[in-house]
N, C-alpha and C. Protein backbone atom coordinates (compact mmCIF):
# COMPACT_ATOMS: atom_id res chain seq x y z
N MET A 1 -205.85 45.50 -146.84
CA MET A 1 -204.52 45.03 -147.19
C MET A 1 -203.53 45.56 -146.16
N ARG A 2 -202.75 44.64 -145.59
CA ARG A 2 -201.82 45.05 -144.55
C ARG A 2 -200.55 45.63 -145.14
N SER A 3 -199.93 46.55 -144.39
CA SER A 3 -198.68 47.14 -144.85
C SER A 3 -197.53 46.18 -144.57
N PHE A 4 -196.38 46.56 -145.07
CA PHE A 4 -195.19 45.73 -144.91
C PHE A 4 -194.83 45.56 -143.43
N GLN A 5 -194.92 46.64 -142.65
CA GLN A 5 -194.60 46.57 -141.23
C GLN A 5 -195.62 45.70 -140.48
N GLU A 6 -196.89 45.78 -140.85
CA GLU A 6 -197.91 44.94 -140.20
C GLU A 6 -197.67 43.47 -140.51
N GLU A 7 -197.21 43.17 -141.72
CA GLU A 7 -196.88 41.78 -142.07
C GLU A 7 -195.75 41.28 -141.19
N GLN A 8 -194.74 42.14 -140.96
CA GLN A 8 -193.61 41.74 -140.12
C GLN A 8 -194.04 41.50 -138.68
N LEU A 9 -194.93 42.33 -138.17
CA LEU A 9 -195.37 42.19 -136.79
C LEU A 9 -196.30 41.00 -136.61
N ALA A 10 -196.99 40.59 -137.65
CA ALA A 10 -197.93 39.47 -137.54
C ALA A 10 -197.21 38.16 -137.25
N ASN A 11 -196.07 37.95 -137.85
CA ASN A 11 -195.31 36.72 -137.64
C ASN A 11 -193.82 37.06 -137.67
N PRO A 12 -193.27 37.54 -136.56
CA PRO A 12 -191.88 38.00 -136.57
C PRO A 12 -190.86 36.87 -136.71
N SER A 13 -191.25 35.64 -136.48
CA SER A 13 -190.27 34.54 -136.58
C SER A 13 -190.18 33.97 -137.99
N GLU A 14 -191.04 34.41 -138.89
CA GLU A 14 -191.06 33.82 -140.23
C GLU A 14 -189.73 34.01 -140.97
N GLY A 15 -189.19 35.22 -140.96
CA GLY A 15 -187.94 35.49 -141.66
C GLY A 15 -186.77 34.68 -141.14
N PRO A 16 -186.49 34.72 -139.83
CA PRO A 16 -185.36 33.95 -139.31
C PRO A 16 -185.52 32.44 -139.49
N VAL A 17 -186.73 31.92 -139.33
CA VAL A 17 -186.95 30.47 -139.49
C VAL A 17 -186.73 30.06 -140.94
N MET A 18 -187.27 30.83 -141.87
CA MET A 18 -187.09 30.49 -143.28
C MET A 18 -185.64 30.65 -143.71
N LEU A 19 -184.96 31.65 -143.18
CA LEU A 19 -183.54 31.83 -143.50
C LEU A 19 -182.72 30.66 -142.96
N ALA A 20 -183.01 30.22 -141.73
CA ALA A 20 -182.29 29.08 -141.15
C ALA A 20 -182.56 27.81 -141.95
N ALA A 21 -183.80 27.58 -142.34
CA ALA A 21 -184.12 26.39 -143.14
C ALA A 21 -183.43 26.44 -144.49
N SER A 22 -183.37 27.61 -145.10
CA SER A 22 -182.69 27.74 -146.39
C SER A 22 -181.19 27.50 -146.25
N LEU A 23 -180.59 28.02 -145.18
CA LEU A 23 -179.16 27.82 -144.98
C LEU A 23 -178.83 26.36 -144.67
N ILE A 24 -179.67 25.69 -143.89
CA ILE A 24 -179.46 24.27 -143.62
C ILE A 24 -179.61 23.46 -144.90
N GLY A 25 -180.62 23.76 -145.69
CA GLY A 25 -180.80 23.07 -146.97
C GLY A 25 -179.65 23.32 -147.92
N THR A 26 -179.13 24.55 -147.93
CA THR A 26 -177.97 24.87 -148.77
C THR A 26 -176.76 24.06 -148.34
N ALA A 27 -176.51 23.99 -147.04
CA ALA A 27 -175.37 23.21 -146.54
C ALA A 27 -175.52 21.73 -146.90
N MET A 28 -176.71 21.18 -146.75
CA MET A 28 -176.93 19.76 -147.07
C MET A 28 -176.75 19.49 -148.57
N ASN A 29 -177.20 20.40 -149.42
CA ASN A 29 -177.01 20.22 -150.85
C ASN A 29 -175.53 20.32 -151.24
N VAL A 30 -174.80 21.20 -150.59
CA VAL A 30 -173.36 21.29 -150.85
C VAL A 30 -172.67 19.99 -150.44
N ILE A 31 -173.06 19.44 -149.29
CA ILE A 31 -172.49 18.17 -148.84
C ILE A 31 -172.82 17.05 -149.83
N CYS A 32 -174.06 17.02 -150.31
CA CYS A 32 -174.45 16.01 -151.31
C CYS A 32 -173.63 16.15 -152.58
N LEU A 33 -173.44 17.38 -153.05
CA LEU A 33 -172.65 17.58 -154.26
C LEU A 33 -171.20 17.16 -154.06
N VAL A 34 -170.63 17.48 -152.91
CA VAL A 34 -169.25 17.06 -152.63
C VAL A 34 -169.15 15.55 -152.63
N MET A 35 -170.10 14.89 -152.00
CA MET A 35 -170.08 13.42 -151.95
C MET A 35 -170.28 12.82 -153.34
N LEU A 36 -171.14 13.42 -154.15
CA LEU A 36 -171.40 12.87 -155.48
C LEU A 36 -170.23 13.09 -156.44
N TYR A 37 -169.39 14.06 -156.17
CA TYR A 37 -168.23 14.30 -157.03
C TYR A 37 -166.99 13.56 -156.54
N GLN A 38 -167.05 12.90 -155.41
CA GLN A 38 -165.93 12.11 -154.91
C GLN A 38 -165.85 10.80 -155.68
N PRO A 39 -164.64 10.36 -156.01
CA PRO A 39 -164.55 9.01 -156.60
C PRO A 39 -164.92 8.00 -155.51
N CYS A 40 -165.91 7.17 -155.80
CA CYS A 40 -166.39 6.28 -154.77
C CYS A 40 -166.69 4.91 -155.36
N ASN A 41 -167.00 4.01 -154.49
CA ASN A 41 -167.29 2.64 -154.89
C ASN A 41 -168.78 2.34 -154.79
N PHE A 42 -169.62 3.36 -154.95
CA PHE A 42 -171.05 3.11 -154.95
C PHE A 42 -171.39 2.23 -156.14
N ARG A 43 -172.35 1.38 -155.96
CA ARG A 43 -172.79 0.53 -157.06
C ARG A 43 -173.95 1.19 -157.78
N MET A 44 -173.75 2.42 -158.18
CA MET A 44 -174.77 3.16 -158.92
C MET A 44 -174.23 3.44 -160.31
N SER A 45 -175.12 3.50 -161.28
CA SER A 45 -174.69 3.80 -162.64
C SER A 45 -174.25 5.25 -162.74
N HIS A 46 -173.42 5.50 -163.73
CA HIS A 46 -172.94 6.87 -163.93
C HIS A 46 -174.09 7.80 -164.32
N ASP A 47 -175.06 7.26 -165.03
CA ASP A 47 -176.23 8.06 -165.41
C ASP A 47 -177.01 8.50 -164.18
N TYR A 48 -177.20 7.58 -163.25
CA TYR A 48 -177.93 7.89 -162.03
C TYR A 48 -177.18 8.94 -161.21
N ILE A 49 -175.89 8.81 -161.10
CA ILE A 49 -175.08 9.79 -160.36
C ILE A 49 -175.15 11.15 -161.04
N PHE A 50 -175.11 11.17 -162.37
CA PHE A 50 -175.22 12.43 -163.10
C PHE A 50 -176.56 13.11 -162.82
N LEU A 51 -177.64 12.34 -162.84
CA LEU A 51 -178.96 12.90 -162.56
C LEU A 51 -179.08 13.37 -161.12
N LEU A 52 -178.46 12.65 -160.19
CA LEU A 52 -178.46 13.09 -158.79
C LEU A 52 -177.70 14.41 -158.63
N ARG A 53 -176.58 14.52 -159.36
CA ARG A 53 -175.83 15.78 -159.32
C ARG A 53 -176.67 16.94 -159.86
N ALA A 54 -177.35 16.69 -160.97
CA ALA A 54 -178.20 17.73 -161.55
C ALA A 54 -179.32 18.11 -160.59
N GLN A 55 -179.90 17.12 -159.93
CA GLN A 55 -180.97 17.38 -158.95
C GLN A 55 -180.45 18.21 -157.79
N ALA A 56 -179.32 17.83 -157.25
CA ALA A 56 -178.74 18.57 -156.11
C ALA A 56 -178.35 19.99 -156.53
N LEU A 57 -177.84 20.14 -157.73
CA LEU A 57 -177.45 21.47 -158.20
C LEU A 57 -178.66 22.37 -158.41
N LEU A 58 -179.72 21.84 -159.00
CA LEU A 58 -180.94 22.64 -159.18
C LEU A 58 -181.56 23.00 -157.83
N ASP A 59 -181.57 22.08 -156.89
CA ASP A 59 -182.09 22.38 -155.56
C ASP A 59 -181.24 23.43 -154.85
N LEU A 60 -179.92 23.34 -155.01
CA LEU A 60 -179.03 24.33 -154.42
C LEU A 60 -179.27 25.71 -155.02
N LEU A 61 -179.41 25.76 -156.35
CA LEU A 61 -179.70 27.05 -156.99
C LEU A 61 -181.03 27.61 -156.52
N TYR A 62 -182.03 26.75 -156.37
CA TYR A 62 -183.33 27.21 -155.86
C TYR A 62 -183.17 27.84 -154.48
N LEU A 63 -182.47 27.15 -153.59
CA LEU A 63 -182.32 27.67 -152.23
C LEU A 63 -181.58 28.99 -152.21
N ILE A 64 -180.51 29.10 -152.99
CA ILE A 64 -179.73 30.33 -153.00
C ILE A 64 -180.53 31.48 -153.61
N ILE A 65 -181.23 31.21 -154.70
CA ILE A 65 -181.97 32.27 -155.38
C ILE A 65 -183.21 32.69 -154.58
N SER A 66 -183.82 31.75 -153.88
CA SER A 66 -185.08 32.07 -153.20
C SER A 66 -184.89 32.74 -151.84
N ILE A 67 -183.69 32.78 -151.30
CA ILE A 67 -183.47 33.42 -149.99
C ILE A 67 -183.94 34.88 -149.98
N PRO A 68 -183.63 35.70 -150.98
CA PRO A 68 -184.14 37.08 -150.93
C PRO A 68 -185.66 37.15 -151.02
N GLN A 69 -186.28 36.22 -151.73
CA GLN A 69 -187.72 36.26 -151.91
C GLN A 69 -188.47 35.75 -150.70
N THR A 70 -187.96 34.72 -150.07
CA THR A 70 -188.73 34.06 -149.02
C THR A 70 -188.36 34.48 -147.60
N SER A 71 -187.14 34.93 -147.37
CA SER A 71 -186.76 35.14 -145.98
C SER A 71 -186.22 36.53 -145.67
N ILE A 72 -185.43 37.10 -146.52
CA ILE A 72 -184.77 38.36 -146.17
C ILE A 72 -185.78 39.48 -145.94
N ILE A 73 -186.83 39.53 -146.76
CA ILE A 73 -187.79 40.63 -146.58
C ILE A 73 -188.59 40.48 -145.30
N HIS A 74 -188.60 39.29 -144.71
CA HIS A 74 -189.35 39.08 -143.47
C HIS A 74 -188.50 39.29 -142.21
N LEU A 75 -187.22 39.58 -142.38
CA LEU A 75 -186.39 39.83 -141.21
C LEU A 75 -186.80 41.14 -140.55
N PRO A 76 -186.75 41.20 -139.23
CA PRO A 76 -187.26 42.39 -138.52
C PRO A 76 -186.57 43.70 -138.88
N ASN A 77 -185.28 43.69 -139.19
CA ASN A 77 -184.56 44.94 -139.45
C ASN A 77 -184.54 45.32 -140.92
N PHE A 78 -185.33 44.66 -141.73
CA PHE A 78 -185.39 44.98 -143.15
C PHE A 78 -186.23 46.24 -143.31
N SER A 79 -185.59 47.35 -143.56
CA SER A 79 -186.30 48.63 -143.52
C SER A 79 -187.15 48.85 -144.76
N ASP A 80 -188.13 49.70 -144.59
CA ASP A 80 -189.10 49.96 -145.65
C ASP A 80 -188.47 50.67 -146.85
N TRP A 81 -187.50 51.54 -146.60
CA TRP A 81 -186.90 52.26 -147.73
C TRP A 81 -186.08 51.32 -148.60
N ILE A 82 -185.46 50.31 -148.00
CA ILE A 82 -184.73 49.33 -148.82
C ILE A 82 -185.73 48.59 -149.70
N PHE A 83 -186.87 48.23 -149.11
CA PHE A 83 -187.88 47.52 -149.89
C PHE A 83 -188.37 48.38 -151.05
N ARG A 84 -188.67 49.62 -150.76
CA ARG A 84 -189.22 50.48 -151.79
C ARG A 84 -188.20 50.86 -152.85
N SER A 85 -186.98 51.17 -152.44
CA SER A 85 -186.03 51.71 -153.39
C SER A 85 -185.25 50.65 -154.16
N PHE A 86 -184.95 49.54 -153.54
CA PHE A 86 -184.10 48.58 -154.22
C PHE A 86 -184.77 47.23 -154.44
N TYR A 87 -185.27 46.66 -153.38
CA TYR A 87 -185.72 45.27 -153.44
C TYR A 87 -186.85 45.06 -154.44
N ALA A 88 -187.91 45.83 -154.33
CA ALA A 88 -189.05 45.63 -155.22
C ALA A 88 -188.71 46.01 -156.66
N CYS A 89 -187.89 47.03 -156.82
CA CYS A 89 -187.55 47.48 -158.17
C CYS A 89 -186.60 46.52 -158.87
N GLN A 90 -185.58 46.08 -158.18
CA GLN A 90 -184.52 45.33 -158.84
C GLN A 90 -184.59 43.83 -158.59
N VAL A 91 -184.79 43.43 -157.36
CA VAL A 91 -184.63 42.03 -156.99
C VAL A 91 -185.86 41.19 -157.29
N LEU A 92 -187.01 41.63 -156.82
CA LEU A 92 -188.21 40.80 -156.90
C LEU A 92 -188.61 40.48 -158.33
N THR A 93 -188.46 41.43 -159.23
CA THR A 93 -188.86 41.19 -160.61
C THR A 93 -187.95 40.20 -161.32
N TRP A 94 -186.73 39.98 -160.81
CA TRP A 94 -185.82 38.99 -161.41
C TRP A 94 -185.79 37.69 -160.62
N ILE A 95 -185.95 37.76 -159.32
CA ILE A 95 -185.86 36.56 -158.49
C ILE A 95 -187.02 35.61 -158.74
N PHE A 96 -188.23 36.12 -158.81
CA PHE A 96 -189.40 35.27 -158.97
C PHE A 96 -189.30 34.36 -160.20
N PRO A 97 -188.97 34.88 -161.39
CA PRO A 97 -188.85 33.97 -162.54
C PRO A 97 -187.71 32.97 -162.40
N LEU A 98 -186.59 33.38 -161.81
CA LEU A 98 -185.47 32.46 -161.64
C LEU A 98 -185.82 31.33 -160.67
N VAL A 99 -186.57 31.65 -159.62
CA VAL A 99 -187.03 30.62 -158.69
C VAL A 99 -187.93 29.63 -159.41
N GLN A 100 -188.82 30.13 -160.25
CA GLN A 100 -189.72 29.24 -160.99
C GLN A 100 -188.96 28.35 -161.97
N ILE A 101 -187.91 28.88 -162.59
CA ILE A 101 -187.09 28.07 -163.50
C ILE A 101 -186.43 26.93 -162.76
N THR A 102 -185.85 27.22 -161.59
CA THR A 102 -185.18 26.15 -160.84
C THR A 102 -186.17 25.14 -160.30
N LEU A 103 -187.36 25.59 -159.89
CA LEU A 103 -188.37 24.64 -159.42
C LEU A 103 -188.85 23.72 -160.54
N THR A 104 -189.09 24.28 -161.71
CA THR A 104 -189.52 23.47 -162.85
C THR A 104 -188.44 22.46 -163.22
N GLY A 105 -187.21 22.91 -163.27
CA GLY A 105 -186.10 22.00 -163.58
C GLY A 105 -185.96 20.89 -162.56
N SER A 106 -186.13 21.22 -161.30
CA SER A 106 -186.02 20.23 -160.24
C SER A 106 -187.10 19.16 -160.35
N VAL A 107 -188.32 19.58 -160.66
CA VAL A 107 -189.42 18.63 -160.81
C VAL A 107 -189.16 17.67 -161.95
N TYR A 108 -188.73 18.19 -163.10
CA TYR A 108 -188.52 17.33 -164.25
C TYR A 108 -187.27 16.47 -164.14
N VAL A 109 -186.26 16.91 -163.42
CA VAL A 109 -185.11 16.04 -163.16
C VAL A 109 -185.52 14.91 -162.22
N THR A 110 -186.41 15.19 -161.27
CA THR A 110 -186.94 14.13 -160.41
C THR A 110 -187.67 13.09 -161.25
N LEU A 111 -188.46 13.53 -162.22
CA LEU A 111 -189.14 12.59 -163.12
C LEU A 111 -188.12 11.80 -163.94
N ALA A 112 -187.06 12.45 -164.40
CA ALA A 112 -186.03 11.75 -165.16
C ALA A 112 -185.33 10.70 -164.29
N LEU A 113 -185.12 11.01 -163.02
CA LEU A 113 -184.55 10.02 -162.09
C LEU A 113 -185.46 8.81 -161.95
N ALA A 114 -186.75 9.05 -161.84
CA ALA A 114 -187.69 7.94 -161.71
C ALA A 114 -187.72 7.09 -162.98
N VAL A 115 -187.71 7.71 -164.13
CA VAL A 115 -187.71 6.97 -165.40
C VAL A 115 -186.41 6.18 -165.54
N GLU A 116 -185.30 6.79 -165.21
CA GLU A 116 -184.01 6.09 -165.32
C GLU A 116 -183.98 4.88 -164.39
N ARG A 117 -184.46 5.01 -163.18
CA ARG A 117 -184.49 3.87 -162.25
C ARG A 117 -185.41 2.77 -162.78
N TYR A 118 -186.56 3.15 -163.31
CA TYR A 118 -187.49 2.15 -163.84
C TYR A 118 -186.86 1.39 -165.00
N LEU A 119 -186.26 2.13 -165.95
CA LEU A 119 -185.67 1.48 -167.11
C LEU A 119 -184.48 0.60 -166.71
N SER A 120 -183.71 1.07 -165.77
CA SER A 120 -182.55 0.29 -165.33
C SER A 120 -182.98 -0.99 -164.64
N ILE A 121 -183.99 -0.93 -163.80
CA ILE A 121 -184.47 -2.14 -163.10
C ILE A 121 -185.15 -3.09 -164.09
N ARG A 122 -185.93 -2.55 -165.00
CA ARG A 122 -186.60 -3.39 -165.99
C ARG A 122 -185.58 -4.08 -166.89
N GLU A 123 -184.59 -3.34 -167.33
CA GLU A 123 -183.57 -3.93 -168.21
C GLU A 123 -182.75 -4.98 -167.47
N ARG A 124 -182.43 -4.70 -166.22
CA ARG A 124 -181.64 -5.66 -165.44
C ARG A 124 -182.42 -6.95 -165.20
N SER A 125 -183.73 -6.84 -165.04
CA SER A 125 -184.52 -8.06 -164.81
C SER A 125 -184.73 -8.85 -166.11
N GLN A 126 -184.77 -8.16 -167.25
CA GLN A 126 -184.98 -8.86 -168.52
C GLN A 126 -183.67 -9.40 -169.09
N ARG A 127 -182.62 -8.60 -169.07
CA ARG A 127 -181.31 -9.01 -169.60
C ARG A 127 -180.24 -8.63 -168.60
N PRO A 128 -179.89 -9.54 -167.70
CA PRO A 128 -178.95 -9.19 -166.63
C PRO A 128 -177.54 -8.84 -167.11
N ASN A 129 -177.12 -9.34 -168.24
CA ASN A 129 -175.74 -9.12 -168.69
C ASN A 129 -175.60 -7.93 -169.63
N VAL A 130 -176.71 -7.34 -170.07
CA VAL A 130 -176.67 -6.24 -171.02
C VAL A 130 -177.07 -4.95 -170.30
N THR A 131 -176.25 -3.95 -170.47
CA THR A 131 -176.60 -2.63 -169.92
C THR A 131 -176.67 -1.63 -171.05
N ARG A 132 -177.66 -0.77 -170.97
CA ARG A 132 -177.83 0.26 -171.99
C ARG A 132 -177.79 1.61 -171.29
N ALA A 133 -177.11 2.55 -171.91
CA ALA A 133 -176.95 3.87 -171.30
C ALA A 133 -178.23 4.68 -171.46
N PHE A 134 -178.58 5.39 -170.40
CA PHE A 134 -179.70 6.32 -170.40
C PHE A 134 -179.17 7.67 -170.88
N PRO A 135 -179.83 8.33 -171.82
CA PRO A 135 -179.30 9.60 -172.35
C PRO A 135 -179.48 10.76 -171.36
N CYS A 136 -178.77 10.69 -170.23
CA CYS A 136 -179.04 11.64 -169.15
C CYS A 136 -178.57 13.05 -169.48
N GLN A 137 -177.45 13.21 -170.20
CA GLN A 137 -177.02 14.57 -170.53
C GLN A 137 -178.04 15.25 -171.44
N ALA A 138 -178.57 14.49 -172.39
CA ALA A 138 -179.58 15.06 -173.29
C ALA A 138 -180.87 15.38 -172.52
N VAL A 139 -181.23 14.53 -171.58
CA VAL A 139 -182.44 14.76 -170.79
C VAL A 139 -182.27 16.01 -169.93
N VAL A 140 -181.14 16.15 -169.26
CA VAL A 140 -180.91 17.33 -168.41
C VAL A 140 -180.86 18.60 -169.26
N ALA A 141 -180.23 18.53 -170.43
CA ALA A 141 -180.21 19.70 -171.31
C ALA A 141 -181.62 20.06 -171.77
N ALA A 142 -182.42 19.05 -172.11
CA ALA A 142 -183.80 19.30 -172.53
C ALA A 142 -184.62 19.88 -171.37
N VAL A 143 -184.40 19.38 -170.16
CA VAL A 143 -185.12 19.89 -168.99
C VAL A 143 -184.77 21.35 -168.75
N ILE A 144 -183.51 21.70 -168.85
CA ILE A 144 -183.09 23.09 -168.62
C ILE A 144 -183.67 24.01 -169.69
N ILE A 145 -183.60 23.58 -170.95
CA ILE A 145 -184.16 24.39 -172.03
C ILE A 145 -185.67 24.54 -171.85
N PHE A 146 -186.35 23.45 -171.51
CA PHE A 146 -187.79 23.51 -171.29
C PHE A 146 -188.13 24.42 -170.11
N SER A 147 -187.37 24.31 -169.02
CA SER A 147 -187.65 25.13 -167.83
C SER A 147 -187.50 26.61 -168.12
N VAL A 148 -186.48 26.96 -168.87
CA VAL A 148 -186.29 28.37 -169.21
C VAL A 148 -187.39 28.83 -170.17
N ALA A 149 -187.70 27.99 -171.17
CA ALA A 149 -188.70 28.38 -172.17
C ALA A 149 -190.08 28.53 -171.55
N ILE A 150 -190.47 27.61 -170.69
CA ILE A 150 -191.82 27.65 -170.12
C ILE A 150 -191.97 28.81 -169.12
N ASN A 151 -190.86 29.23 -168.51
CA ASN A 151 -190.93 30.31 -167.52
C ASN A 151 -190.44 31.65 -168.07
N LEU A 152 -190.10 31.72 -169.33
CA LEU A 152 -189.65 32.99 -169.92
C LEU A 152 -190.69 34.10 -169.82
N PRO A 153 -191.98 33.82 -170.00
CA PRO A 153 -192.97 34.91 -169.84
C PRO A 153 -193.01 35.49 -168.43
N ARG A 154 -192.56 34.78 -167.44
CA ARG A 154 -192.58 35.30 -166.07
C ARG A 154 -191.67 36.53 -165.91
N PHE A 155 -190.66 36.67 -166.77
CA PHE A 155 -189.81 37.85 -166.70
C PHE A 155 -190.55 39.11 -167.13
N PHE A 156 -191.66 38.95 -167.85
CA PHE A 156 -192.38 40.09 -168.39
C PHE A 156 -193.73 40.32 -167.73
N GLU A 157 -194.13 39.47 -166.79
CA GLU A 157 -195.46 39.62 -166.21
C GLU A 157 -195.49 40.50 -164.97
N MET A 158 -194.36 40.87 -164.44
CA MET A 158 -194.33 41.75 -163.26
C MET A 158 -193.82 43.12 -163.68
N GLU A 159 -194.43 44.12 -163.10
CA GLU A 159 -193.95 45.47 -163.34
C GLU A 159 -193.95 46.24 -162.03
N VAL A 160 -193.10 47.23 -161.96
CA VAL A 160 -193.00 48.06 -160.77
C VAL A 160 -193.75 49.35 -161.03
N VAL A 161 -194.69 49.65 -160.15
CA VAL A 161 -195.50 50.85 -160.28
C VAL A 161 -195.17 51.75 -159.10
N ARG A 162 -194.82 52.99 -159.37
CA ARG A 162 -194.51 53.94 -158.31
C ARG A 162 -195.71 54.84 -158.10
N GLU A 163 -196.11 54.97 -156.84
CA GLU A 163 -197.26 55.79 -156.51
C GLU A 163 -196.85 56.82 -155.46
N VAL A 164 -197.41 57.98 -155.54
CA VAL A 164 -197.19 59.01 -154.53
C VAL A 164 -198.40 58.98 -153.60
N ARG A 165 -198.14 58.82 -152.30
CA ARG A 165 -199.22 58.78 -151.30
C ARG A 165 -198.90 59.74 -150.17
N ALA A 166 -199.92 60.33 -149.65
CA ALA A 166 -199.76 61.22 -148.50
C ALA A 166 -199.59 60.37 -147.25
N SER A 167 -198.72 60.79 -146.38
CA SER A 167 -198.51 60.06 -145.13
C SER A 167 -199.50 60.56 -144.08
N VAL A 168 -199.50 59.91 -142.92
CA VAL A 168 -200.40 60.27 -141.83
C VAL A 168 -200.07 61.66 -141.30
N ARG A 169 -198.80 62.02 -141.30
CA ARG A 169 -198.37 63.31 -140.76
C ARG A 169 -198.62 64.47 -141.72
N GLY A 170 -199.15 64.20 -142.88
CA GLY A 170 -199.43 65.27 -143.83
C GLY A 170 -198.34 65.43 -144.87
N GLY A 171 -197.19 64.84 -144.66
CA GLY A 171 -196.14 64.91 -145.66
C GLY A 171 -196.43 63.95 -146.80
N VAL A 172 -195.60 63.99 -147.77
CA VAL A 172 -195.78 63.10 -148.92
C VAL A 172 -194.53 62.23 -149.05
N HIS A 173 -194.74 60.94 -149.10
CA HIS A 173 -193.60 60.07 -149.36
C HIS A 173 -193.14 60.30 -150.78
N ALA A 174 -191.87 60.09 -151.02
CA ALA A 174 -191.36 60.27 -152.38
C ALA A 174 -192.08 59.32 -153.33
N TYR A 175 -192.22 58.10 -152.94
CA TYR A 175 -193.00 57.15 -153.73
C TYR A 175 -193.20 55.88 -152.92
N TRP A 176 -194.19 55.15 -153.28
CA TRP A 176 -194.40 53.80 -152.78
C TRP A 176 -194.24 52.89 -153.97
N VAL A 177 -193.65 51.79 -153.77
CA VAL A 177 -193.49 50.86 -154.87
C VAL A 177 -194.47 49.72 -154.69
N ARG A 178 -195.17 49.44 -155.73
CA ARG A 178 -196.11 48.31 -155.71
C ARG A 178 -195.75 47.44 -156.91
N VAL A 179 -195.48 46.20 -156.63
CA VAL A 179 -195.21 45.25 -157.70
C VAL A 179 -196.51 44.55 -158.01
N CYS A 180 -196.91 44.61 -159.26
CA CYS A 180 -198.17 43.99 -159.63
C CYS A 180 -197.97 43.08 -160.82
N LEU A 181 -198.87 42.17 -160.97
CA LEU A 181 -198.85 41.29 -162.13
C LEU A 181 -199.58 42.00 -163.26
N SER A 182 -198.85 42.38 -164.27
CA SER A 182 -199.46 43.15 -165.35
C SER A 182 -200.39 42.29 -166.19
N LEU A 183 -200.18 41.00 -166.25
CA LEU A 183 -201.06 40.14 -167.02
C LEU A 183 -202.43 40.01 -166.36
N LEU A 184 -202.46 40.02 -165.03
CA LEU A 184 -203.73 39.90 -164.34
C LEU A 184 -204.51 41.21 -164.34
N SER A 185 -203.80 42.32 -164.36
CA SER A 185 -204.48 43.61 -164.28
C SER A 185 -204.92 44.12 -165.65
N SER A 186 -204.42 43.54 -166.72
CA SER A 186 -204.79 44.05 -168.04
C SER A 186 -205.96 43.31 -168.63
């Protein structure tokens, strides 16, 4: 098993590339949200626009929340003591479940978008003069509740274990932090 420094040396461009991709994605989602909240003359239903807003917002939350998990720890100047003392103890155990919640919500809002488009096209082809509203607020609320409920156990499956290990120089580090999945180890 490689150490944290060996992981950084193996692929030093991983952190900056992932951070740049996350920042570009964040900027694009902000632009999408601004455009979707502008009064416009798009010929899209209000339900479809609402679902697009929910999709863009969940994707934006995913990008913002996942930056510490996917890119910051891979940056070259991210020191080991920060990882041991703060990041693994405080951030990682909360970030991972939140990322999973936003990913689950994003997937199911994408499915809701597909169902809404199908129903809207089918209804328009069968009855061109009649429009029926898609219950998009209820669907988004159900998706959010489901995403939180299905990922709630993830908040309890990680634990921080502190170990004392001797260093190469003969001294003893105060502690090493190892984050492990307690469900897999039990």
